[in-house]
PDB file of N, CA and C in Angstrom:
ATOM      1  N   MET A   1      14.287  -1.131   1.089  1.00  0.00           N
ATOM      2  CA  MET A   1      14.417  -0.476   0.479  1.00  0.00           C
ATOM      3  C   MET A   1      12.830  -0.110  -0.409  1.00  0.00           C
ATOM      4  N   THR A   2      12.725   1.279   0.201  1.00  0.00           N
ATOM      5  CA  THR A   2      11.074   1.371  -0.035  1.00  0.00           C
ATOM      6  C   THR A   2      11.562   2.934  -1.045  1.00  0.00           C
ATOM      7  N   GLU A   3      10.424   2.567  -2.273  1.00  0.00           N
ATOM      8  CA  GLU A   3      10.030   3.688  -2.752  1.00  0.00           C
ATOM      9  C   GLU A   3       9.622   4.579  -2.726  1.00  0.00           C
ATOM     10  N   LEU A   4      10.164   5.885  -2.859  1.00  0.00           N
ATOM     11  CA  LEU A   4       8.928   7.055  -2.109  1.00  0.00           C
ATOM     12  C   LEU A   4       8.224   8.092  -3.866  1.00  0.00           C
ATOM     13  N   VAL A   5       6.941   7.822  -3.393  1.00  0.00           N
ATOM     14  CA  VAL A   5       6.480   7.975  -4.586  1.00  0.00           C
ATOM     15  C   VAL A   5       5.228   9.690  -4.027  1.00  0.00           C
ATOM     16  N   ARG A   6       4.915  10.493  -4.512  1.00  0.00           N
ATOM     17  CA  ARG A   6       4.910  11.584  -4.696  1.00  0.00           C
ATOM     18  C   ARG A   6       3.254  12.191  -5.669  1.00  0.00           C
ATOM     19  N   CYS A   7       2.442  12.450  -3.985  1.00  0.00           N
ATOM     20  CA  CYS A   7       0.874  11.892  -5.023  1.00  0.00           C
ATOM     21  C   CYS A   7       1.250  13.261  -5.924  1.00  0.00           C
ATOM     22  N   HIS A   8       0.658  13.666  -6.372  1.00  0.00           N
ATOM     23  CA  HIS A   8       0.592  14.389  -7.729  1.00  0.00           C
ATOM     24  C   HIS A   8      -1.503  14.316  -8.444  1.00  0.00           C
ATOM     25  N   ARG A   9      -1.433  15.520  -8.659  1.00  0.00           N
ATOM     26  CA  ARG A   9      -3.198  14.891  -9.119  1.00  0.00           C
ATOM     27  C   ARG A   9      -3.157  14.511 -10.421  1.00  0.00           C
ATOM     28  N   GLN A  10      -2.543  14.471 -11.467  1.00  0.00           N
ATOM     29  CA  GLN A  10      -2.610  13.654 -12.612  1.00  0.00           C
ATOM     30  C   GLN A  10      -0.974  12.005 -12.772  1.00  0.00           C
ATOM     31  N   GLN A  11      -1.636  11.389 -11.927  1.00  0.00           N
ATOM     32  CA  GLN A  11      -0.828  10.631 -11.345  1.00  0.00           C
ATOM     33  C   GLN A  11      -0.002   9.758 -12.661  1.00  0.00           C
ATOM     34  N   ARG A  12       1.131   9.405 -12.443  1.00  0.00           N
ATOM     35  CA  ARG A  12       1.389   8.189 -13.973  1.00  0.00           C
ATOM     36  C   ARG A  12       1.766   6.492 -13.614  1.00  0.00           C
ATOM     37  N   PRO A  13       1.735   6.050 -13.581  1.00  0.00           N
ATOM     38  CA  PRO A  13       1.960   4.249 -13.390  1.00  0.00           C
ATOM     39  C   PRO A  13       2.832   4.471 -12.542  1.00  0.00           C
ATOM     40  N   ALA A  14       3.034   3.841 -10.859  1.00  0.00           N
ATOM     41  CA  ALA A  14       4.330   3.180 -10.915  1.00  0.00           C
ATOM     42  C   ALA A  14       5.086   1.906 -10.809  1.00  0.00           C
ATOM     43  N   ARG A  15       6.817   1.623 -10.545  1.00  0.00           N
ATOM     44  CA  ARG A  15       7.025   0.729 -10.635  1.00  0.00           C
ATOM     45  C   ARG A  15       6.114  -0.304 -10.111  1.00  0.00           C
ATOM     46  N   PRO A  16       5.572  -1.675 -10.734  1.00  0.00           N
ATOM     47  CA  PRO A  16       4.725  -2.361  -9.718  1.00  0.00           C
ATOM     48  C   PRO A  16       5.796  -3.228  -8.106  1.00  0.00           C
ATOM     49  N   PRO A  17       4.962  -2.906  -7.169  1.00  0.00           N
ATOM     50  CA  PRO A  17       5.510  -3.337  -5.816  1.00  0.00           C
ATOM     51  C   PRO A  17       6.762  -4.724  -5.922  1.00  0.00           C
ATOM     52  N   GLN A  18       7.557  -4.583  -5.108  1.00  0.00           N
ATOM     53  CA  GLN A  18       8.281  -6.304  -4.741  1.00  0.00           C
ATOM     54  C   GLN A  18       7.125  -7.433  -3.766  1.00  0.00           C
ATOM     55  N   THR A  19       6.977  -8.116  -3.998  1.00  0.00           N
ATOM     56  CA  THR A  19       6.549  -8.729  -3.567  1.00  0.00           C
ATOM     57  C   THR A  19       6.997 -10.445  -2.384  1.00  0.00           C
ATOM     58  N   GLN A  20       6.326 -11.033  -1.490  1.00  0.00           N
ATOM     59  CA  GLN A  20       7.121 -11.534  -0.281  1.00  0.00           C
ATOM     60  C   GLN A  20       6.831 -12.104  -0.484  1.00  0.00           C
ATOM     61  N   GLY A  21       7.549 -13.755  -0.840  1.00  0.00           N
ATOM     62  CA  GLY A  21       7.426 -15.030  -0.945  1.00  0.00           C
ATOM     63  C   GLY A  21       6.264 -15.827  -0.597  1.00  0.00           C
ATOM     64  N   PRO A  22       5.918 -17.210  -1.000  1.00  0.00           N
ATOM     65  CA  PRO A  22       4.580 -17.401  -0.424  1.00  0.00           C
ATOM     66  C   PRO A  22       4.785 -17.970   1.429  1.00  0.00           C
ATOM     67  N   HIS A  23       3.713 -18.625   2.132  1.00  0.00           N
ATOM     68  CA  HIS A  23       3.887 -18.960   2.660  1.00  0.00           C
ATOM     69  C   HIS A  23       2.817 -20.111   2.924  1.00  0.00           C
ATOM     70  N   VAL A  24       2.808 -20.043   3.711  1.00  0.00           N
ATOM     71  CA  VAL A  24       1.345 -21.702   4.153  1.00  0.00           C
ATOM     72  C   VAL A  24       0.241 -21.834   5.204  1.00  0.00           C
ATOM     73  N   ARG A  25      -0.740 -21.511   5.088  1.00  0.00           N
ATOM     74  CA  ARG A  25      -2.703 -21.154   5.622  1.00  0.00           C
ATOM     75  C   ARG A  25      -2.909 -22.136   5.181  1.00  0.00           C
ATOM     76  N   GLY A  26      -3.327 -22.891   6.759  1.00  0.00           N
ATOM     77  CA  GLY A  26      -4.583 -23.931   6.313  1.00  0.00           C
ATOM     78  C   GLY A  26      -3.834 -25.227   5.336  1.00  0.00           C
ATOM     79  N   ASN A  27      -3.112 -25.546   5.456  1.00  0.00           N
ATOM     80  CA  ASN A  27      -2.127 -26.537   5.338  1.00  0.00           C
ATOM     81  C   ASN A  27      -2.068 -26.278   3.325  1.00  0.00           C
ATOM     82  N   ARG A  28      -2.386 -25.209   3.367  1.00  0.00           N
ATOM     83  CA  ARG A  28      -2.039 -24.477   1.548  1.00  0.00           C
ATOM     84  C   ARG A  28      -1.402 -23.637   1.105  1.00  0.00           C
ATOM     85  N   LEU A  29      -0.634 -23.854   0.038  1.00  0.00           N
ATOM     86  CA  LEU A  29       0.383 -22.871  -0.133  1.00  0.00           C
ATOM     87  C   LEU A  29      -0.130 -21.528  -0.964  1.00  0.00           C
ATOM     88  N   ARG A  30       0.367 -20.518   0.002  1.00  0.00           N
ATOM     89  CA  ARG A  30      -0.866 -19.560  -0.161  1.00  0.00           C
ATOM     90  C   ARG A  30       0.334 -18.139  -0.578  1.00  0.00           C
ATOM     91  N   PRO A  31       0.377 -17.000  -1.623  1.00  0.00           N
ATOM     92  CA  PRO A  31       0.987 -16.059  -1.795  1.00  0.00           C
ATOM     93  C   PRO A  31       0.804 -14.955  -0.366  1.00  0.00           C
ATOM     94  N   SER A  32       1.847 -14.799  -0.474  1.00  0.00           N
ATOM     95  CA  SER A  32       1.505 -13.303   0.452  1.00  0.00           C
ATOM     96  C   SER A  32       1.121 -12.586  -0.481  1.00  0.00           C
ATOM     97  N   GLY A  33       0.570 -11.029   0.147  1.00  0.00           N
ATOM     98  CA  GLY A  33       0.370 -10.017   0.040  1.00  0.00           C
ATOM     99  C   GLY A  33       1.114  -9.011  -0.762  1.00  0.00           C
ATOM    100  N   PRO A  34       1.035  -8.371  -1.768  1.00  0.00           N
ATOM    101  CA  PRO A  34       1.962  -7.633  -2.381  1.00  0.00           C
ATOM    102  C   PRO A  34       2.229  -6.236  -0.920  1.00  0.00           C
ATOM    103  N   SER A  35       3.235  -5.827  -0.954  1.00  0.00           N
ATOM    104  CA  SER A  35       3.514  -4.797  -0.270  1.00  0.00           C
ATOM    105  C   SER A  35       3.069  -3.739   0.086  1.00  0.00           C
ATOM    106  N   TRP A  36       3.427  -2.888  -0.095  1.00  0.00           N
ATOM    107  CA  TRP A  36       2.358  -1.078  -0.846  1.00  0.00           C
ATOM    108  C   TRP A  36       4.094  -0.661  -0.627  1.00  0.00           C
ATOM    109  N   PRO A  37       4.223   0.452  -1.715  1.00  0.00           N
ATOM    110  CA  PRO A  37       5.258   2.123  -1.503  1.00  0.00           C
ATOM    111  C   PRO A  37       5.429   2.495  -0.653  1.00  0.00           C
ATOM    112  N   VAL A  38       6.088   3.702  -0.470  1.00  0.00           N
ATOM    113  CA  VAL A  38       5.851   4.390   0.659  1.00  0.00           C
ATOM    114  C   VAL A  38       5.208   5.484   0.129  1.00  0.00           C
ATOM    115  N   TYR A  39       4.293   6.429  -0.018  1.00  0.00           N
ATOM    116  CA  TYR A  39       3.938   7.725  -0.626  1.00  0.00           C
ATOM    117  C   TYR A  39       3.683   8.881   0.491  1.00  0.00           C
ATOM    118  N   GLU A  40       3.621  10.343   0.135  1.00  0.00           N
ATOM    119  CA  GLU A  40       3.806  11.049   0.483  1.00  0.00           C
ATOM    120  C   GLU A  40       2.632  12.141   0.392  1.00  0.00           C
ATOM    121  N   PHE A  41       1.969  12.720   1.155  1.00  0.00           N
ATOM    122  CA  PHE A  41       0.591  13.077   0.627  1.00  0.00           C
ATOM    123  C   PHE A  41       0.943  14.643   1.622  1.00  0.00           C
ATOM    124  N   ALA A  42       0.686  15.083   0.801  1.00  0.00           N
ATOM    125  CA  ALA A  42       0.219  17.073   1.301  1.00  0.00           C
ATOM    126  C   ALA A  42      -0.244  17.380   2.257  1.00  0.00           C
ATOM    127  N   GLU A  43       0.008  18.684   2.540  1.00  0.00           N
ATOM    128  CA  GLU A  43      -0.344  18.620   4.166  1.00  0.00           C
ATOM    129  C   GLU A  43      -2.945  18.865   3.471  1.00  0.00           C
ATOM    130  N   THR A  44      -2.457  18.694   2.076  1.00  0.00           N
ATOM    131  CA  THR A  44      -3.808  19.379   1.635  1.00  0.00           C
ATOM    132  C   THR A  44      -4.430  18.489   1.192  1.00  0.00           C
ATOM    133  N   ASP A  45      -3.696  17.760   1.049  1.00  0.00           N
ATOM    134  CA  ASP A  45      -4.251  16.146   0.502  1.00  0.00           C
ATOM    135  C   ASP A  45      -4.594  14.831   1.729  1.00  0.00           C
ATOM    136  N   TYR A  46      -4.608  15.368   2.894  1.00  0.00           N
ATOM    137  CA  TYR A  46      -5.087  14.796   4.128  1.00  0.00           C
ATOM    138  C   TYR A  46      -5.664  15.085   4.970  1.00  0.00           C
ATOM    139  N   CYS A  47      -6.679  14.769   5.538  1.00  0.00           N
ATOM    140  CA  CYS A  47      -7.175  15.532   7.083  1.00  0.00           C
ATOM    141  C   CYS A  47      -6.755  15.847   8.285  1.00  0.00           C
ATOM    142  N   TYR A  48      -6.904  16.347   9.141  1.00  0.00           N
ATOM    143  CA  TYR A  48      -5.719  16.186  10.401  1.00  0.00           C
ATOM    144  C   TYR A  48      -4.600  16.191  10.838  1.00  0.00           C
ATOM    145  N   GLY A  49      -3.883  16.567  10.330  1.00  0.00           N
ATOM    146  CA  GLY A  49      -2.339  17.463  10.196  1.00  0.00           C
ATOM    147  C   GLY A  49      -1.430  18.338   9.749  1.00  0.00           C
ATOM    148  N   ILE A  50      -0.443  18.224  10.006  1.00  0.00           N
ATOM    149  CA  ILE A  50      -0.017  19.720   9.777  1.00  0.00           C
ATOM    150  C   ILE A  50       1.810  18.606   8.846  1.00  0.00           C
ATOM    151  N   GLY A  51       1.639  19.343   7.834  1.00  0.00           N
ATOM    152  CA  GLY A  51       2.780  19.251   6.738  1.00  0.00           C
ATOM    153  C   GLY A  51       2.955  17.888   6.313  1.00  0.00           C
ATOM    154  N   PRO A  52       3.605  18.056   5.775  1.00  0.00           N
ATOM    155  CA  PRO A  52       3.760  16.603   4.729  1.00  0.00           C
ATOM    156  C   PRO A  52       3.736  15.050   5.659  1.00  0.00           C
ATOM    157  N   ILE A  53       3.192  13.660   4.917  1.00  0.00           N
ATOM    158  CA  ILE A  53       2.793  12.428   5.726  1.00  0.00           C
ATOM    159  C   ILE A  53       3.403  11.482   4.847  1.00  0.00           C
ATOM    160  N   ARG A  54       4.617  10.812   5.726  1.00  0.00           N
ATOM    161  CA  ARG A  54       4.954   9.353   4.298  1.00  0.00           C
ATOM    162  C   ARG A  54       4.193   8.230   5.000  1.00  0.00           C
ATOM    163  N   LEU A  55       3.709   7.597   4.756  1.00  0.00           N
ATOM    164  CA  LEU A  55       2.363   6.234   4.847  1.00  0.00           C
ATOM    165  C   LEU A  55       3.098   5.185   3.957  1.00  0.00           C
ATOM    166  N   ARG A  56       3.630   4.569   4.672  1.00  0.00           N
ATOM    167  CA  ARG A  56       3.277   2.959   4.323  1.00  0.00           C
ATOM    168  C   ARG A  56       1.597   2.293   3.946  1.00  0.00           C
ATOM    169  N   LEU A  57       0.864   2.539   3.277  1.00  0.00           N
ATOM    170  CA  LEU A  57      -0.431   1.804   3.332  1.00  0.00           C
ATOM    171  C   LEU A  57      -0.821   0.775   3.560  1.00  0.00           C
ATOM    172  N   GLU A  58      -1.778   0.451   4.537  1.00  0.00           N
ATOM    173  CA  GLU A  58      -1.871  -1.076   4.788  1.00  0.00           C
ATOM    174  C   GLU A  58      -3.765  -1.503   4.657  1.00  0.00           C
ATOM    175  N   TRP A  59      -3.699  -0.522   4.442  1.00  0.00           N
ATOM    176  CA  TRP A  59      -5.683  -0.450   4.441  1.00  0.00           C
ATOM    177  C   TRP A  59      -5.712   0.320   4.115  1.00  0.00           C
ATOM    178  N   VAL A  60      -7.197   0.452   2.851  1.00  0.00           N
ATOM    179  CA  VAL A  60      -7.991   2.042   2.002  1.00  0.00           C
ATOM    180  C   VAL A  60      -8.818   1.206   1.742  1.00  0.00           C
ATOM    181  N   ASN A  61     -10.416   2.200   2.609  1.00  0.00           N
ATOM    182  CA  ASN A  61     -11.522   1.668   2.967  1.00  0.00           C
ATOM    183  C   ASN A  61     -12.816   2.142   1.824  1.00  0.00           C
ATOM    184  N   TRP A  62     -12.023   1.830   0.146  1.00  0.00           N
ATOM    185  CA  TRP A  62     -12.670   1.495  -1.045  1.00  0.00           C
ATOM    186  C   TRP A  62     -13.732   2.020  -1.223  1.00  0.00           C
ATOM    187  N   ALA A  63     -15.179   1.181   0.170  1.00  0.00           N
ATOM    188  CA  ALA A  63     -16.693   0.595  -0.262  1.00  0.00           C
ATOM    189  C   ALA A  63     -16.948   2.119   0.013  1.00  0.00           C
ATOM    190  N   LYS A  64     -15.999   2.260   1.273  1.00  0.00           N
ATOM    191  CA  LYS A  64     -17.560   4.174   2.099  1.00  0.00           C
ATOM    192  C   LYS A  64     -16.531   5.475   1.164  1.00  0.00           C
ATOM    193  N   PRO A  65     -16.699   5.872   0.112  1.00  0.00           N
ATOM    194  CA  PRO A  65     -15.795   6.777   0.227  1.00  0.00           C
ATOM    195  C   PRO A  65     -16.341   8.055   0.657  1.00  0.00           C
ATOM    196  N   ILE A  66     -15.948   8.961   1.675  1.00  0.00           N
ATOM    197  CA  ILE A  66     -16.430  10.512   2.633  1.00  0.00           C
ATOM    198  C   ILE A  66     -16.707  11.902   1.382  1.00  0.00           C
ATOM    199  N   PRO A  67     -18.135  11.930   1.438  1.00  0.00           N
ATOM    200  CA  PRO A  67     -17.517  13.462   1.031  1.00  0.00           C
ATOM    201  C   PRO A  67     -17.747  14.264   1.977  1.00  0.00           C
ATOM    202  N   HIS A  68     -16.373  15.276   2.097  1.00  0.00           N
ATOM    203  CA  HIS A  68     -16.111  16.175   2.611  1.00  0.00           C
ATOM    204  C   HIS A  68     -15.357  17.611   2.130  1.00  0.00           C
ATOM    205  N   GLU A  69     -15.365  18.676   2.216  1.00  0.00           N
ATOM    206  CA  GLU A  69     -15.003  19.333   1.544  1.00  0.00           C
ATOM    207  C   GLU A  69     -15.303  19.812   0.499  1.00  0.00           C
ATOM    208  N   GLY A  70     -16.349  19.541  -0.389  1.00  0.00           N
ATOM    209  CA  GLY A  70     -16.292  19.289  -1.540  1.00  0.00           C
ATOM    210  C   GLY A  70     -15.807  18.439  -2.914  1.00  0.00           C
ATOM    211  N   ASP A  71     -15.052  17.900  -1.737  1.00  0.00           N
ATOM    212  CA  ASP A  71     -14.453  16.373  -2.655  1.00  0.00           C
ATOM    213  C   ASP A  71     -14.380  14.866  -2.383  1.00  0.00           C
ATOM    214  N   TYR A  72     -14.394  13.993  -2.345  1.00  0.00           N
ATOM    215  CA  TYR A  72     -14.307  12.873  -1.804  1.00  0.00           C
ATOM    216  C   TYR A  72     -12.742  12.232  -0.654  1.00  0.00           C
ATOM    217  N   TRP A  73     -13.217  11.221   0.021  1.00  0.00           N
ATOM    218  CA  TRP A  73     -12.328  11.678   0.550  1.00  0.00           C
ATOM    219  C   TRP A  73     -12.136   9.959   1.348  1.00  0.00           C
ATOM    220  N   LEU A  74     -10.888   8.786   1.410  1.00  0.00           N
ATOM    221  CA  LEU A  74     -11.000   7.621   1.843  1.00  0.00           C
ATOM    222  C   LEU A  74     -10.567   7.202   3.506  1.00  0.00           C
ATOM    223  N   ALA A  75     -10.546   6.610   3.986  1.00  0.00           N
ATOM    224  CA  ALA A  75     -10.396   5.831   5.105  1.00  0.00           C
ATOM    225  C   ALA A  75      -9.414   5.299   4.692  1.00  0.00           C
ATOM    226  N   VAL A  76      -7.933   5.872   4.876  1.00  0.00           N
ATOM    227  CA  VAL A  76      -6.584   4.830   5.048  1.00  0.00           C
ATOM    228  C   VAL A  76      -5.876   4.312   6.667  1.00  0.00           C
ATOM    229  N   ARG A  77      -5.319   2.940   6.551  1.00  0.00           N
ATOM    230  CA  ARG A  77      -4.196   3.093   7.303  1.00  0.00           C
ATOM    231  C   ARG A  77      -3.199   2.865   6.877  1.00  0.00           C
ATOM    232  N   GLY A  78      -2.173   2.872   7.386  1.00  0.00           N
ATOM    233  CA  GLY A  78      -0.654   3.253   6.805  1.00  0.00           C
ATOM    234  C   GLY A  78       0.408   3.523   8.658  1.00  0.00           C
ATOM    235  N   VAL A  79       1.507   3.089   8.405  1.00  0.00           N
ATOM    236  CA  VAL A  79       2.774   3.489   8.416  1.00  0.00           C
ATOM    237  C   VAL A  79       3.418   4.634   8.418  1.00  0.00           C
ATOM    238  N   VAL A  80       3.740   5.072   9.577  1.00  0.00           N
ATOM    239  CA  VAL A  80       4.179   6.762   9.537  1.00  0.00           C
ATOM    240  C   VAL A  80       5.549   6.361   8.596  1.00  0.00           C
ATOM    241  N   ILE A  81       5.973   6.810   8.163  1.00  0.00           N
ATOM    242  CA  ILE A  81       7.652   6.473   7.495  1.00  0.00           C
ATOM    243  C   ILE A  81       8.813   7.673   7.590  1.00  0.00           C
ATOM    244  N   ASP A  82       9.753   7.838   9.086  1.00  0.00           N
ATOM    245  CA  ASP A  82       9.929   9.165   8.648  1.00  0.00           C
ATOM    246  C   ASP A  82      11.484   9.352   8.045  1.00  0.00           C
ATOM    247  N   ARG A  83      12.016  10.304   7.778  1.00  0.00           N
ATOM    248  CA  ARG A  83      12.877  11.448   6.748  1.00  0.00           C
ATOM    249  C   ARG A  83      14.210  10.483   6.583  1.00  0.00           C
ATOM    250  N   TYR A  84      14.082   9.215   8.147  1.00  0.00           N
ATOM    251  CA  TYR A  84      15.247   8.281   7.663  1.00  0.00           C
ATOM    252  C   TYR A  84      14.529   6.836   7.051  1.00  0.00           C
ATOM    253  N   GLY A  85      13.712   6.759   6.782  1.00  0.00           N
ATOM    254  CA  GLY A  85      13.193   5.743   6.035  1.00  0.00           C
ATOM    255  C   GLY A  85      12.406   4.559   7.033  1.00  0.00           C
ATOM    256  N   CYS A  86      12.381   4.649   8.443  1.00  0.00           N
ATOM    257  CA  CYS A  86      12.107   4.245   9.238  1.00  0.00           C
ATOM    258  C   CYS A  86      10.684   4.131   9.291  1.00  0.00           C
ATOM    259  N   ASP A  87      10.463   2.716   9.917  1.00  0.00           N
ATOM    260  CA  ASP A  87       8.948   2.710  10.606  1.00  0.00           C
ATOM    261  C   ASP A  87       8.251   3.462  11.722  1.00  0.00           C
ATOM    262  N   GLY A  88       7.343   4.201  11.646  1.00  0.00           N
ATOM    263  CA  GLY A  88       7.252   4.991  12.907  1.00  0.00           C
ATOM    264  C   GLY A  88       5.256   4.418  13.367  1.00  0.00           C
ATOM    265  N   ALA A  89       4.734   5.200  14.024  1.00  0.00           N
ATOM    266  CA  ALA A  89       3.629   4.536  14.301  1.00  0.00           C
ATOM    267  C   ALA A  89       2.179   4.418  13.188  1.00  0.00           C
ATOM    268  N   VAL A  90       1.637   3.595  13.944  1.00  0.00           N
ATOM    269  CA  VAL A  90       0.174   3.176  12.540  1.00  0.00           C
ATOM    270  C   VAL A  90      -0.719   4.890  12.751  1.00  0.00           C
ATOM    271  N   ARG A  91      -1.171   4.769  12.167  1.00  0.00           N
ATOM    272  CA  ARG A  91      -2.546   5.778  11.465  1.00  0.00           C
ATOM    273  C   ARG A  91      -3.161   5.622  10.904  1.00  0.00           C
ATOM    274  N   GLU A  92      -4.467   6.299  11.656  1.00  0.00           N
ATOM    275  CA  GLU A  92      -5.392   6.360  10.520  1.00  0.00           C
ATOM    276  C   GLU A  92      -6.364   7.430  10.014  1.00  0.00           C
ATOM    277  N   MET A  93      -6.276   7.840   9.046  1.00  0.00           N
ATOM    278  CA  MET A  93      -6.443   9.583   8.650  1.00  0.00           C
ATOM    279  C   MET A  93      -7.194   9.541   6.947  1.00  0.00           C
ATOM    280  N   LEU A  94      -7.920  10.349   7.346  1.00  0.00           N
ATOM    281  CA  LEU A  94      -8.536  10.697   5.861  1.00  0.00           C
ATOM    282  C   LEU A  94      -7.520  10.679   4.282  1.00  0.00           C
ATOM    283  N   VAL A  95      -7.113  10.397   3.068  1.00  0.00           N
ATOM    284  CA  VAL A  95      -6.968  11.071   2.126  1.00  0.00           C
ATOM    285  C   VAL A  95      -7.684  11.027   1.462  1.00  0.00           C
ATOM    286  N   ARG A  96      -7.694  12.017   0.519  1.00  0.00           N
ATOM    287  CA  ARG A  96      -8.507  12.660  -0.817  1.00  0.00           C
ATOM    288  C   ARG A  96      -8.355  11.711  -1.988  1.00  0.00           C
ATOM    289  N   ALA A  97      -9.194  11.269  -2.460  1.00  0.00           N
ATOM    290  CA  ALA A  97      -9.579   9.645  -3.081  1.00  0.00           C
ATOM    291  C   ALA A  97      -8.555  10.287  -4.523  1.00  0.00           C
ATOM    292  N   ALA A  98      -8.452  11.305  -4.914  1.00  0.00           N
ATOM    293  CA  ALA A  98      -8.071  11.407  -6.138  1.00  0.00           C
ATOM    294  C   ALA A  98      -6.583  11.149  -5.876  1.00  0.00           C
ATOM    295  N   CYS A  99      -6.076  10.736  -4.303  1.00  0.00           N
ATOM    296  CA  CYS A  99      -4.664  10.730  -4.132  1.00  0.00           C
ATOM    297  C   CYS A  99      -4.272   9.715  -3.371  1.00  0.00           C
ATOM    298  N   VAL A 100      -4.854   7.994  -3.702  1.00  0.00           N
ATOM    299  CA  VAL A 100      -4.851   7.004  -3.212  1.00  0.00           C
ATOM    300  C   VAL A 100      -4.430   6.405  -4.346  1.00  0.00           C
ATOM    301  N   PRO A 101      -3.592   5.809  -4.314  1.00  0.00           N
ATOM    302  CA  PRO A 101      -2.959   5.460  -5.435  1.00  0.00           C
ATOM    303  C   PRO A 101      -3.278   4.026  -5.467  1.00  0.00           C
ATOM    304  N   ILE A 102      -3.800   3.712  -6.687  1.00  0.00           N
ATOM    305  CA  ILE A 102      -4.396   1.956  -7.281  1.00  0.00           C
ATOM    306  C   ILE A 102      -3.418   0.999  -6.107  1.00  0.00           C
ATOM    307  N   PRO A 103      -4.669   0.189  -5.392  1.00  0.00           N
ATOM    308  CA  PRO A 103      -3.391  -0.468  -4.952  1.00  0.00           C
ATOM    309  C   PRO A 103      -2.992  -1.027  -5.985  1.00  0.00           C
ATOM    310  N   PRO A 104      -1.939  -2.300  -5.369  1.00  0.00           N
ATOM    311  CA  PRO A 104      -1.269  -2.745  -6.544  1.00  0.00           C
ATOM    312  C   PRO A 104      -1.817  -4.471  -6.154  1.00  0.00           C
ATOM    313  N   VAL A 105      -1.365  -5.173  -7.534  1.00  0.00           N
ATOM    314  CA  VAL A 105      -1.808  -6.171  -8.001  1.00  0.00           C
ATOM    315  C   VAL A 105      -1.429  -7.485  -7.696  1.00  0.00           C
ATOM    316  N   PRO A 106      -1.953  -8.158  -7.201  1.00  0.00           N
ATOM    317  CA  PRO A 106      -1.436  -9.673  -6.783  1.00  0.00           C
ATOM    318  C   PRO A 106      -0.421 -10.433  -7.574  1.00  0.00           C
ATOM    319  N   ARG A 107      -0.136 -11.308  -7.048  1.00  0.00           N
ATOM    320  CA  ARG A 107       0.626 -12.109  -8.061  1.00  0.00           C
ATOM    321  C   ARG A 107       0.668 -13.306  -8.000  1.00  0.00           C
ATOM    322  N   ARG A 108       0.420 -14.344  -8.674  1.00  0.00           N
ATOM    323  CA  ARG A 108      -0.031 -16.230  -8.472  1.00  0.00           C
ATOM    324  C   ARG A 108       1.384 -16.117  -8.691  1.00  0.00           C
ATOM    325  N   PRO A 109       1.915 -17.295  -7.382  1.00  0.00           N
ATOM    326  CA  PRO A 109       3.761 -17.884  -7.372  1.00  0.00           C
ATOM    327  C   PRO A 109       4.177 -18.590  -8.620  1.00  0.00           C
ATOM    328  N   ARG A 110       5.271 -18.590  -9.037  1.00  0.00           N
ATOM    329  CA  ARG A 110       5.297 -19.244  -9.621  1.00  0.00           C
ATOM    330  C   ARG A 110       5.924 -20.523  -8.703  1.00  0.00           C
ATOM    331  N   LEU A 111       5.059 -21.636  -9.120  1.00  0.00           N
ATOM    332  CA  LEU A 111       5.495 -22.946  -8.818  1.00  0.00           C
ATOM    333  C   LEU A 111       5.694 -23.644  -8.822  1.00  0.00           C
ATOM    334  N   ARG A 112       7.250 -24.568  -8.811  1.00  0.00           N
ATOM    335  CA  ARG A 112       7.097 -26.010  -9.849  1.00  0.00           C
ATOM    336  C   ARG A 112       6.776 -26.932  -9.096  1.00  0.00           C
ATOM    337  N   VAL A 113       6.657 -28.002 -10.251  1.00  0.00           N
ATOM    338  CA  VAL A 113       6.008 -29.018 -10.100  1.00  0.00           C
ATOM    339  C   VAL A 113       6.923 -30.187  -9.582  1.00  0.00           C
ATOM    340  N   LEU A 114       7.000 -31.416  -7.965  1.00  0.00           N
ATOM    341  CA  LEU A 114       7.446 -31.391  -7.936  1.00  0.00           C
ATOM    342  C   LEU A 114       7.122 -33.254  -8.405  1.00  0.00           C
ATOM    343  N   ARG A 115       8.975 -33.883  -8.809  1.00  0.00           N
ATOM    344  CA  ARG A 115       8.418 -34.810  -9.751  1.00  0.00           C
ATOM    345  C   ARG A 115       8.821 -36.253  -8.746  1.00  0.00           C
ATOM    346  N   SER A 116       8.068 -37.770  -8.455  1.00  0.00           N
ATOM    347  CA  SER A 116       9.008 -39.138  -8.039  1.00  0.00           C
ATOM    348  C   SER A 116       9.751 -38.715  -7.793  1.00  0.00           C
ATOM    349  N   SER A 117      10.926 -38.507  -9.019  1.00  0.00           N
ATOM    350  CA  SER A 117      12.101 -38.995  -9.040  1.00  0.00           C
ATOM    351  C   SER A 117      12.834 -37.787  -8.040  1.00  0.00           C
ATOM    352  N   THR A 118      12.131 -37.124  -7.695  1.00  0.00           N
ATOM    353  CA  THR A 118      12.861 -35.078  -7.654  1.00  0.00           C
ATOM    354  C   THR A 118      13.197 -36.319  -5.423  1.00  0.00           C
ATOM    355  N   PRO A 119      14.353 -36.089  -5.007  1.00  0.00           N
ATOM    356  CA  PRO A 119      13.719 -35.710  -3.473  1.00  0.00           C
ATOM    357  C   PRO A 119      13.692 -34.561  -2.761  1.00  0.00           C
ATOM    358  N   VAL A 120      13.092 -35.173  -1.967  1.00  0.00           N
ATOM    359  CA  VAL A 120      12.128 -33.431  -1.315  1.00  0.00           C
ATOM    360  C   VAL A 120      13.288 -33.178  -0.534  1.00  0.00           C
TER     361      VAL A 120
END
């Protein structure tokens, strides 16, 4: 289930997003990245679109803010979510920097130590 968070100038801290379980990569157990919740951006808070848009952010270019119309904007890539909560097309656009949420904090998985007496 996704959480819808509206963009406001004064953002309040949102509930931390749920993380997926750990997976194995390169013979090492690594945690999956946290998933972003769904955010809704008003027409005035993103470039080149009509009406509000709902996105599940996948990538934000924090390194290169773009000055545009007297404000700073960030390039983002995300999956468009329709009003029924279904995933749509992947879209890249500019979003006002003040409306882009802070990225979720990655958490380390709690791993149990296997003892030699414990069968695997």
